[in-house]
Amino acid sequence: RSLETAIRSQGQEAEADRADAGRLERLLAQASEKLLSAQASLASTRQQVAQQCTALAAEGARRKAAEAQQHAALAEMQRRIQADRQQRANEEEVLLGLERQ
């Protein structure tokens, strides 16, 4: 009798172990799916961030180029103004020289 009870008890334990193993396998499968989904989401986010960084870098380069162009144009205007002033000063000097004669 006790042998029968022990065999039945072991059978019940084995069945409970199989049920636990099945639940654990399902939980593991769910966790794996969630992990894969999270990895895909992370990859997508990383790609979006990389695209935004590229766009920001391009915009920064464009602005720097525009700023350099503006500085060059300003420097050219200043050079022309200085050249005009020098030209006027030279002309005034010539006129003064002519008036003295």
Protein backbone atom coordinates (compact mmCIF):
# COMPACT_ATOMS: atom_id res chain seq x y z
CA ARG A 1 0.00 0.00 0.00
CA SER A 2 2.68 2.49 0.94
CA LEU A 3 4.54 1.63 -2.28
CA GLU A 4 1.39 2.42 -4.26
CA THR A 5 1.00 5.70 -2.43
CA ALA A 6 4.64 6.59 -3.05
CA ILE A 7 4.32 5.80 -6.77
CA ARG A 8 1.11 7.87 -7.00
CA SER A 9 2.77 10.71 -5.12
CA GLN A 10 5.78 10.65 -7.44
CA GLY A 11 3.46 10.61 -10.45
CA GLN A 12 1.59 13.63 -9.12
CA GLU A 13 4.89 15.43 -8.49
CA ALA A 14 6.10 14.64 -11.98
CA GLU A 15 2.81 15.91 -13.43
CA ALA A 16 3.10 19.11 -11.37
CA ASP A 17 6.72 19.50 -12.54
CA ARG A 18 5.61 19.11 -16.17
CA ALA A 19 2.89 21.72 -15.67
CA ASP A 20 5.43 24.08 -14.05
CA ALA A 21 7.84 23.48 -16.92
CA GLY A 22 5.08 24.26 -19.43
CA ARG A 23 4.22 27.51 -17.64
CA LEU A 24 7.90 28.45 -17.48
CA GLU A 25 8.33 27.74 -21.20
CA ARG A 26 5.34 29.96 -22.01
CA LEU A 27 6.71 32.72 -19.77
CA LEU A 28 10.10 32.40 -21.42
CA ALA A 29 8.53 32.57 -24.87
CA GLN A 30 6.57 35.71 -23.86
CA ALA A 31 9.70 37.29 -22.40
CA SER A 32 11.63 36.47 -25.58
CA GLU A 33 8.91 38.10 -27.72
CA LYS A 34 8.95 41.20 -25.53
CA LEU A 35 12.74 41.35 -25.73
CA LEU A 36 12.69 41.06 -29.52
CA SER A 37 10.05 43.79 -29.71
CA ALA A 38 12.07 46.04 -27.41
CA GLN A 39 15.22 45.42 -29.47
CA ALA A 40 13.38 46.31 -32.68
CA SER A 41 12.01 49.46 -31.08
CA LEU A 42 15.47 50.41 -29.84
CA ALA A 43 16.97 49.85 -33.29
CA SER A 44 14.27 52.05 -34.81
CA THR A 45 14.87 54.77 -32.22
CA ARG A 46 18.62 54.62 -32.81
CA GLN A 47 18.05 54.99 -36.55
CA GLN A 48 15.79 57.99 -36.00
CA VAL A 49 18.35 59.61 -33.69
CA ALA A 50 21.12 58.99 -36.23
CA GLN A 51 19.00 60.60 -38.97
CA GLN A 52 18.26 63.59 -36.75
CA CYS A 53 21.95 63.96 -35.90
CA THR A 54 22.84 63.85 -39.59
CA ALA A 55 20.19 66.46 -40.36
CA LEU A 56 21.40 68.68 -37.52
CA ALA A 57 25.00 68.35 -38.65
CA ALA A 58 24.01 69.29 -42.21
CA GLU A 59 22.03 72.28 -40.94
CA GLY A 60 24.98 73.34 -38.78
CA ALA A 61 27.34 73.09 -41.75
CA ARG A 62 24.92 75.06 -43.93
CA ARG A 63 24.63 77.80 -41.32
CA LYS A 64 28.39 77.94 -40.88
CA ALA A 65 28.86 78.26 -44.63
CA ALA A 66 26.23 81.02 -44.79
CA GLU A 67 27.90 82.82 -41.90
CA ALA A 68 31.30 82.55 -43.59
CA GLN A 69 29.78 83.90 -46.80
CA GLN A 70 28.25 86.83 -44.89
CA HIS A 71 31.60 87.57 -43.23
CA ALA A 72 33.32 87.49 -46.61
CA ALA A 73 30.70 89.83 -48.10
CA LEU A 74 31.06 92.20 -45.14
CA ALA A 75 34.84 92.17 -45.45
CA GLU A 76 34.52 92.94 -49.18
CA MET A 77 32.14 95.84 -48.46
CA GLN A 78 34.53 97.21 -45.85
CA ARG A 79 37.42 96.91 -48.31
CA ARG A 80 35.42 98.80 -50.95
CA ILE A 81 34.43 101.51 -48.49
CA GLN A 82 38.05 101.92 -47.45
CA ALA A 83 39.13 102.00 -51.11
CA ASP A 84 36.49 104.65 -51.85
CA ARG A 85 37.64 106.72 -48.90
CA GLN A 86 41.23 106.43 -50.03
CA GLN A 87 40.24 107.38 -53.57
CA ARG A 88 38.38 110.46 -52.29
CA ALA A 89 41.32 111.42 -50.09
CA ASN A 90 43.65 111.12 -53.09
CA GLU A 91 41.29 113.19 -55.25
CA GLU A 92 41.05 115.86 -52.56
CA GLU A 93 44.81 115.94 -52.31
CA VAL A 94 45.09 116.40 -56.07
CA LEU A 95 42.47 119.16 -56.01
CA LEU A 96 44.26 120.89 -53.15
CA GLY A 97 47.51 120.59 -55.07
CA LEU A 98 45.88 122.14 -58.14
CA GLU A 99 44.38 124.94 -56.09
CA ARG A 100 47.83 125.78 -54.68
CA GLN A 101 49.32 126.16 -58.10
